[in-house]
């Protein structure tokens, strides 16, 4: 279990250190909203939000820990 915790800690540190790479362009729709032809929904390449990526990674980590604990309990019984 100690090796799994160490690996998860290292993996999460690497992910959190590179979160800026996931952010993409901070202003995906350039232009002034006061312009007559401005379309805020016309952006095609909007990056995923950071919170969504963190949520998915957190869910995967929790699922791995849950499955590991479940397998460990079945081996004991």
Protein backbone atom coordinates (compact mmCIF):
# COMPACT_ATOMS: atom_id res chain seq x y z
CA UNK A 1 0.00 0.00 0.00
CA UNK A 2 2.92 2.32 0.70
CA UNK A 3 4.18 1.94 -2.87
CA UNK A 4 0.75 2.80 -4.27
CA UNK A 5 0.50 5.92 -2.11
CA UNK A 6 3.97 7.01 -3.13
CA UNK A 7 3.18 6.46 -6.81
CA UNK A 8 -0.13 8.35 -6.54
CA UNK A 9 1.58 11.22 -4.75
CA UNK A 10 4.26 11.44 -7.42
CA UNK A 11 1.67 11.24 -10.21
CA UNK A 12 -0.51 13.94 -8.64
CA UNK A 13 2.52 16.22 -8.15
CA UNK A 14 3.40 15.87 -11.81
CA UNK A 15 -0.17 16.60 -12.88
CA UNK A 16 -0.55 19.63 -10.63
CA UNK A 17 2.82 20.98 -11.74
CA UNK A 18 1.74 20.91 -15.38
CA UNK A 19 -1.82 22.19 -14.99
CA UNK A 20 -0.95 25.38 -16.83
CA UNK A 21 -0.42 23.33 -19.98
CA UNK A 22 -4.05 22.18 -19.84
CA UNK A 23 -5.40 25.70 -19.51
CA UNK A 24 -4.74 26.68 -23.12
CA UNK A 25 -5.51 30.18 -24.30
CA UNK A 26 -7.02 32.26 -21.48
CA UNK A 27 -9.13 34.22 -23.97
CA UNK A 28 -10.39 31.71 -26.55
CA UNK A 29 -12.77 34.21 -28.19
CA UNK A 30 -10.78 37.30 -28.93
CA UNK A 31 -12.66 40.42 -29.76
CA UNK A 32 -14.67 43.04 -28.00
CA UNK A 33 -18.15 42.03 -26.82
CA UNK A 34 -19.33 45.52 -27.77
CA UNK A 35 -18.61 44.86 -31.47
CA UNK A 36 -21.78 44.34 -33.54
CA UNK A 37 -20.66 40.99 -35.05
CA UNK A 38 -19.26 39.45 -31.84
CA UNK A 39 -20.42 35.87 -31.24
CA UNK A 40 -19.41 34.48 -27.81
CA UNK A 41 -20.56 30.99 -28.84
CA UNK A 42 -18.54 30.97 -32.04
CA UNK A 43 -15.40 29.52 -30.47
CA UNK A 44 -14.49 26.08 -31.78
CA UNK A 45 -11.40 25.21 -29.77
CA UNK A 46 -12.30 26.04 -26.17
CA UNK A 47 -10.05 24.09 -23.74
CA UNK A 48 -11.46 21.98 -20.93
CA UNK A 49 -11.67 23.68 -17.59
CA UNK A 50 -9.00 22.83 -15.04
CA UNK A 51 -11.56 21.79 -12.45
CA UNK A 52 -12.95 19.15 -14.81
CA UNK A 53 -9.51 17.64 -15.41
CA UNK A 54 -8.79 17.63 -11.67
CA UNK A 55 -12.18 16.02 -11.00
CA UNK A 56 -11.55 13.21 -13.50
CA UNK A 57 -8.04 12.54 -12.18
CA UNK A 58 -9.35 12.55 -8.59
CA UNK A 59 -12.09 10.10 -9.54
CA UNK A 60 -9.59 7.77 -11.16
CA UNK A 61 -7.37 7.88 -8.08
CA UNK A 62 -10.30 7.16 -5.76
CA UNK A 63 -11.46 4.30 -7.98
CA UNK A 64 -7.97 2.77 -7.96
CA UNK A 65 -7.75 3.00 -4.16
CA UNK A 66 -11.26 1.53 -3.75
CA UNK A 67 -10.54 -1.39 -6.09
CA UNK A 68 -7.20 -2.04 -4.40
CA UNK A 69 -8.82 -2.13 -0.94
CA UNK A 70 -11.63 -4.37 -2.22
CA UNK A 71 -9.14 -6.82 -3.74
CA UNK A 72 -7.10 -6.82 -0.53
CA UNK A 73 -10.21 -7.64 1.57
CA UNK A 74 -11.19 -10.49 -0.76
CA UNK A 75 -7.70 -11.98 -0.49
CA UNK A 76 -7.90 -12.01 3.31
CA UNK A 77 -11.36 -13.65 3.42
